[in-house]
Amino acid sequence: MWATWSILYMHTVINLDHSTLTPEPCPAQTLNTGSLMWATWSILAYFYMVLSWGGYSFIINLLPLFCLACIVSGRLTPRLYVAFTPLVVVGTLLSASVPVVGFNAVLMSEHFGAFFATAVLHAALLVQWIRGLLPPKQFERATQLVLALGAGLFALVLSVVLGSVIKSPTLGWTGGCG
């Protein structure tokens, strides 16, 4: 019973902006309007799902896929930021306040996709903002510099990790006796 109501609440909050009162999904309304009011409704609907049913992990994993698809397909807008980031940040904080969920909302891997998508969204918006500030030639140079520094940092971290694994006394140990 509660599962049915939470799904209906998440997906068919009444659209009060139109006189026809047509049901539309909260996240879609937030994405279409870029309104914090609809983002708040999405957060409340997500919190209701956390309180009533374990299906909230489906939502918190499905929305990051949509967010990443929008970024990759070039449909990155500030409305996507308003629709997704408050839901992840405030929704995770609210879900952590539920005793059954607790800090599992932050520690368990079921929310890592949302955190990753939020980081990618912030990085993509930062790149978009810097692209608007710099002339194309300078942006290309800055991109090459950042990629070179990132590759160097990745190589350094990889060499440190591999070095510590190779020097580890448990390298090759399978846990068996003899």
Protein backbone atom coordinates (compact mmCIF):
# COMPACT_ATOMS: atom_id res chain seq x y z
CA MET A 1 0.00 0.00 0.00
CA TRP A 2 2.70 2.51 1.02
CA ALA A 3 4.83 1.52 -1.96
CA THR A 4 2.00 2.35 -4.34
CA TRP A 5 1.37 5.73 -2.72
CA SER A 6 5.05 6.66 -2.73
CA ILE A 7 5.38 5.82 -6.43
CA LEU A 8 2.26 7.80 -7.26
CA TYR A 9 3.46 10.72 -5.15
CA MET A 10 6.90 10.76 -6.75
CA HIS A 11 5.62 10.50 -10.28
CA THR A 12 2.31 12.36 -10.35
CA VAL A 13 2.33 15.47 -8.21
CA ILE A 14 -0.43 17.76 -9.48
CA ASN A 15 0.82 20.49 -11.80
CA LEU A 16 -0.48 23.67 -10.20
CA ASP A 17 1.00 25.95 -12.87
CA HIS A 18 -1.67 25.07 -15.43
CA SER A 19 -5.41 25.41 -15.09
CA THR A 20 -6.01 21.88 -16.40
CA LEU A 21 -4.46 20.23 -13.32
CA THR A 22 -2.66 17.59 -15.36
CA PRO A 23 -0.42 15.25 -13.41
CA GLU A 24 3.27 15.53 -14.34
CA PRO A 25 6.37 14.08 -12.67
CA CYS A 26 8.15 16.31 -10.14
CA PRO A 27 11.66 15.86 -11.56
CA ALA A 28 10.38 16.59 -15.06
CA GLN A 29 8.63 19.76 -13.87
CA THR A 30 11.82 20.86 -12.14
CA LEU A 31 13.84 20.24 -15.27
CA ASN A 32 11.33 22.01 -17.51
CA THR A 33 10.93 25.09 -15.33
CA GLY A 34 14.20 25.30 -13.39
CA SER A 35 12.11 26.24 -10.39
CA LEU A 36 13.31 25.65 -6.85
CA MET A 37 9.69 25.14 -5.84
CA TRP A 38 9.51 22.02 -8.00
CA ALA A 39 12.94 20.96 -6.78
CA THR A 40 11.58 21.19 -3.24
CA TRP A 41 8.60 19.03 -4.23
CA SER A 42 11.01 16.50 -5.74
CA ILE A 43 13.05 16.46 -2.52
CA LEU A 44 9.92 15.98 -0.42
CA ALA A 45 8.70 13.20 -2.70
CA TYR A 46 12.10 11.50 -2.47
CA PHE A 47 12.08 11.84 1.32
CA TYR A 48 8.59 10.35 1.41
CA MET A 49 9.90 7.37 -0.57
CA VAL A 50 12.77 6.97 1.89
CA LEU A 51 10.34 7.01 4.80
CA SER A 52 7.84 4.61 3.32
CA TRP A 53 9.67 2.24 1.03
CA GLY A 54 13.12 0.98 0.08
CA GLY A 55 12.66 1.92 -3.57
CA TYR A 56 14.37 5.25 -3.01
CA SER A 57 17.64 3.62 -4.05
CA PHE A 58 16.12 3.01 -7.49
CA ILE A 59 15.37 6.73 -7.84
CA ILE A 60 18.76 7.87 -6.53
CA ASN A 61 20.44 5.60 -9.09
CA LEU A 62 18.17 6.31 -12.05
CA LEU A 63 18.35 10.10 -11.92
CA PRO A 64 22.19 10.21 -12.10
CA LEU A 65 22.04 8.14 -15.29
CA PHE A 66 19.68 10.70 -16.78
CA CYS A 67 21.90 13.55 -15.59
CA LEU A 68 25.03 12.01 -17.11
CA ALA A 69 23.16 11.29 -20.35
CA CYS A 70 22.16 14.96 -20.55
CA ILE A 71 25.76 16.06 -19.98
CA VAL A 72 27.19 13.65 -22.56
CA SER A 73 24.55 14.51 -25.15
CA GLY A 74 25.20 18.25 -24.80
CA ARG A 75 21.93 19.13 -23.07
CA LEU A 76 23.62 20.71 -20.05
CA THR A 77 21.61 23.64 -18.72
CA PRO A 78 21.36 25.45 -15.39
CA ARG A 79 17.89 23.89 -15.05
CA LEU A 80 19.53 20.46 -14.88
CA TYR A 81 21.65 21.75 -12.01
CA VAL A 82 18.57 23.05 -10.18
CA ALA A 83 16.73 19.79 -10.79
CA PHE A 84 19.48 17.39 -9.76
CA THR A 85 21.89 18.90 -7.23
CA PRO A 86 19.39 19.89 -4.50
CA LEU A 87 17.78 16.46 -4.79
CA VAL A 88 21.09 14.70 -4.22
CA VAL A 89 22.43 16.97 -1.49
CA VAL A 90 19.29 17.67 0.53
CA GLY A 91 17.72 14.31 -0.28
CA THR A 92 20.79 12.47 1.01
CA LEU A 93 20.83 14.57 4.18
CA LEU A 94 17.14 13.88 4.74
CA SER A 95 17.53 10.17 4.05
CA ALA A 96 20.43 10.03 6.51
CA SER A 97 18.09 11.38 9.17
CA VAL A 98 15.87 8.30 8.89
CA PRO A 99 17.02 5.80 11.55
CA VAL A 100 16.77 2.75 9.30
CA VAL A 101 18.94 4.35 6.63
CA GLY A 102 21.28 6.41 8.83
CA PHE A 103 24.79 7.02 7.55
CA ASN A 104 24.38 4.22 5.03
CA ALA A 105 23.17 6.96 2.70
CA VAL A 106 26.71 8.32 2.69
CA LEU A 107 28.76 5.18 3.30
CA MET A 108 27.09 2.60 1.05
CA SER A 109 27.83 2.40 -2.64
CA GLU A 110 24.19 2.75 -3.69
CA HIS A 111 24.50 6.55 -3.48
CA PHE A 112 27.95 6.84 -5.06
CA GLY A 113 26.48 7.15 -8.55
CA ALA A 114 24.55 10.23 -7.48
CA PHE A 115 27.64 11.73 -5.86
CA PHE A 116 29.71 11.02 -8.96
CA ALA A 117 27.08 12.53 -11.26
CA THR A 118 26.92 15.61 -9.02
CA ALA A 119 30.71 16.03 -9.25
CA VAL A 120 30.62 15.58 -13.04
CA LEU A 121 27.76 18.11 -13.27
CA HIS A 122 29.76 20.66 -11.28
CA ALA A 123 32.86 20.05 -13.39
CA ALA A 124 30.92 20.34 -16.65
CA LEU A 125 29.30 23.59 -15.55
CA LEU A 126 32.71 24.93 -14.48
CA VAL A 127 34.15 24.09 -17.89
CA GLN A 128 31.14 25.73 -19.58
CA TRP A 129 31.60 28.86 -17.46
CA ILE A 130 35.36 29.06 -18.16
CA ARG A 131 34.68 28.53 -21.87
CA GLY A 132 32.44 31.60 -21.79
CA LEU A 133 35.13 33.69 -20.08
CA LEU A 134 38.14 32.82 -22.24
CA PRO A 135 38.72 33.35 -25.94
CA PRO A 136 38.77 30.05 -27.90
CA LYS A 137 42.57 29.99 -28.29
CA GLN A 138 43.18 30.50 -24.56
CA PHE A 139 40.51 27.96 -23.67
CA GLU A 140 42.24 25.38 -25.87
CA ARG A 141 45.58 26.07 -24.15
CA ALA A 142 43.97 25.89 -20.72
CA THR A 143 42.33 22.59 -21.66
CA GLN A 144 45.67 21.14 -22.79
CA LEU A 145 47.34 22.32 -19.58
CA VAL A 146 44.65 20.85 -17.35
CA LEU A 147 44.70 17.54 -19.24
CA ALA A 148 48.50 17.33 -19.03
CA LEU A 149 48.48 18.11 -15.29
CA GLY A 150 45.67 15.59 -14.76
CA ALA A 151 47.56 12.89 -16.65
CA GLY A 152 50.71 13.61 -14.62
CA LEU A 153 48.78 13.51 -11.35
CA PHE A 154 47.10 10.25 -12.39
CA ALA A 155 50.49 8.71 -13.26
CA LEU A 156 51.91 9.81 -9.90
CA VAL A 157 49.00 8.39 -7.92
CA LEU A 158 49.08 5.17 -9.93
CA SER A 159 52.82 4.74 -9.33
CA VAL A 160 52.41 5.33 -5.58
CA VAL A 161 49.56 2.81 -5.37
CA LEU A 162 51.43 0.22 -7.43
CA GLY A 163 54.59 0.79 -5.41
CA SER A 164 52.78 0.26 -2.13
CA VAL A 165 51.08 -2.88 -3.48
CA ILE A 166 54.38 -4.32 -4.73
CA LYS A 167 56.13 -3.60 -1.40
CA SER A 168 53.23 -5.05 0.55
CA PRO A 169 54.06 -8.16 2.59
CA THR A 170 50.68 -9.63 1.66
CA LEU A 171 51.23 -9.46 -2.11
CA GLY A 172 50.21 -12.81 -3.52
CA TRP A 173 48.79 -14.00 -0.22
CA THR A 174 45.51 -15.79 -0.83
CA GLY A 175 44.62 -16.36 2.78
CA GLY A 176 45.32 -20.07 2.65
CA CYS A 177 47.66 -21.96 4.95
CA GLY A 178 50.72 -23.45 3.41
